[in-house]
Amino acid sequence: MLTAENQISLDIPDRLHMGAVINSGVWRIRTNTEDYELHGEPDIITVIKQGRLHLSGHVQRMEENRTLKEVSVAH
């Protein structure tokens, strides 16, 4: 499950090759969100949510007797 805490932990500075920035004389590494905004790519949270929507569309079109469909309808 994607919680607010998970979202914060996913916004860690793991793309070190993109470089650091200087703010008020202090160097720091860009976060994923800053990096994606700078380069015009979606952030990881958006990608996860889009993937979940994509999968839910497949599940909705499945035959009723499929296990994944039965589990998703039961919850």
Protein backbone atom coordinates (compact mmCIF):
# COMPACT_ATOMS: atom_id res chain seq x y z
CA MET A 1 0.00 0.00 0.00
CA LEU A 2 1.28 3.45 -0.88
CA THR A 3 1.05 5.55 2.28
CA ALA A 4 2.16 9.12 2.92
CA GLU A 5 5.19 7.72 4.77
CA ASN A 6 6.11 5.55 1.78
CA GLN A 7 5.75 8.54 -0.53
CA ILE A 8 8.19 10.53 1.60
CA SER A 9 10.69 7.65 1.68
CA LEU A 10 10.53 7.36 -2.12
CA ASP A 11 11.51 11.00 -2.48
CA ILE A 12 15.08 10.33 -1.39
CA PRO A 13 18.16 11.55 -3.24
CA ASP A 14 19.09 8.37 -5.12
CA ARG A 15 19.91 9.85 -8.53
CA LEU A 16 23.32 11.18 -7.57
CA HIS A 17 24.56 11.40 -11.16
CA MET A 18 22.23 14.35 -11.78
CA GLY A 19 24.28 16.50 -9.45
CA ALA A 20 23.92 18.64 -6.40
CA VAL A 21 22.64 22.15 -5.90
CA ILE A 22 23.84 24.94 -3.66
CA ASN A 23 21.41 26.79 -1.43
CA SER A 24 22.65 29.63 0.78
CA GLY A 25 26.21 28.39 0.49
CA VAL A 26 25.37 24.80 1.45
CA TRP A 27 25.59 21.92 -1.02
CA ARG A 28 22.84 19.34 -1.03
CA ILE A 29 21.70 16.55 -3.34
CA ARG A 30 18.50 17.05 -5.34
CA THR A 31 15.52 14.93 -4.38
CA ASN A 32 13.82 12.72 -6.95
CA THR A 33 10.90 15.16 -7.18
CA GLU A 34 13.19 18.11 -7.94
CA ASP A 35 15.12 16.06 -10.47
CA TYR A 36 12.02 14.87 -12.30
CA GLU A 37 10.56 18.38 -12.39
CA LEU A 38 13.82 19.73 -13.77
CA HIS A 39 13.97 17.14 -16.55
CA GLY A 40 10.24 16.98 -17.31
CA GLU A 41 9.68 13.41 -16.18
CA PRO A 42 6.95 12.28 -13.77
CA ASP A 43 7.96 11.54 -10.18
CA ILE A 44 7.95 7.98 -8.83
CA ILE A 45 4.67 8.50 -6.94
CA THR A 46 2.88 9.43 -10.16
CA VAL A 47 4.36 6.42 -11.96
CA ILE A 48 3.19 4.07 -9.18
CA LYS A 49 -0.33 5.52 -9.18
CA GLN A 50 -0.56 5.32 -12.98
CA GLY A 51 0.56 1.69 -12.88
CA ARG A 52 -2.08 0.85 -10.29
CA LEU A 53 -4.79 2.47 -12.42
CA HIS A 54 -3.51 0.60 -15.47
CA LEU A 55 -3.68 -2.74 -13.61
CA SER A 56 -7.16 -2.00 -12.25
CA GLY A 57 -8.38 -1.50 -15.81
CA HIS A 58 -7.10 -4.96 -16.73
CA VAL A 59 -8.75 -6.49 -13.67
CA GLN A 60 -12.10 -4.87 -14.51
CA ARG A 61 -12.04 -6.43 -17.99
CA MET A 62 -11.13 -9.92 -16.74
CA GLU A 63 -13.56 -12.81 -16.80
CA GLU A 64 -15.46 -13.23 -13.53
CA ASN A 65 -13.91 -16.63 -12.75
CA ARG A 66 -10.29 -15.35 -12.72
CA THR A 67 -8.66 -15.47 -9.27
CA LEU A 68 -7.43 -11.87 -9.31
CA LYS A 69 -10.87 -10.66 -10.33
CA GLU A 70 -12.52 -12.67 -7.55
CA VAL A 71 -10.09 -11.34 -4.95
CA SER A 72 -10.47 -7.72 -6.05
CA VAL A 73 -14.28 -7.91 -6.09
CA ALA A 74 -14.32 -9.54 -2.64
CA HIS A 75 -12.48 -6.56 -1.12
